[in-house]
């Protein structure tokens, strides 16, 4: 099973390369297309990271039973970005439809936004070899989106182009709506990250039943049981 999931991760990394190249070639057909704008999309950057991390985790899974904890943490962070990209793209498509704007979804975009994230979630939940991720990763995951957002806002103000409408002050209904959109996106990222971290604490198939996979309730019950044993009166000696 370990080698099967290793091959799946390598295949997902390959699909990511195919999707990125195909999506790049698709956007070349637009007159207003600029190469640097393609790489400014959060989806593009998260899938590029996904190619590297999925490929690396696939190679590690071929070589050893369990991956190092830092790799599990990195996988959780990148998986969060992949899932968020798909959700945000779907919300943008709905908002564009409400505004009467047509949104075409080529197969490459569907691959990057929906297929790869869905399979990556299944791999994360079912695949062997991962380790439980610490909860602080759910906060660390915000680092890159915040930096990316600041750079995007500065760059957009200089060139007059933004990859997403909710980052463009000219396309939202005032500063309150602008801040609200950004807060919602950051909240979505945090929520997805917490969900991914929680999934990492579910024991994978084939993993031994060790204390590493005990949930917080199990640990609490164990601590209470130990405390009761310590405070229980000693049995009286026989006469």
Foldseek 3Di string as FASTA:
>chain_A
DLLVLLVVLQVLLVLLVVLLVVVQVVQVPDPPDDPVVSCLDLLNVLSVLSSVLSNVVSVVSVVDQADDQVSLLSLLLSLLSQQLQLVVVVVLCVVCVVVVHHDDQDPSNCSSNPVSSVVSLVCLQAHGHYAQHDLCSLVVSVVVVVVSLVVQLVVCVVPVDHPGQLSDCVNADDPVSSVVVVVVSNVSSSVSSNVSNVSNLDHHPPDDPDPRNDDPVVVVVVVVVVVCVVPDDDDDDDD
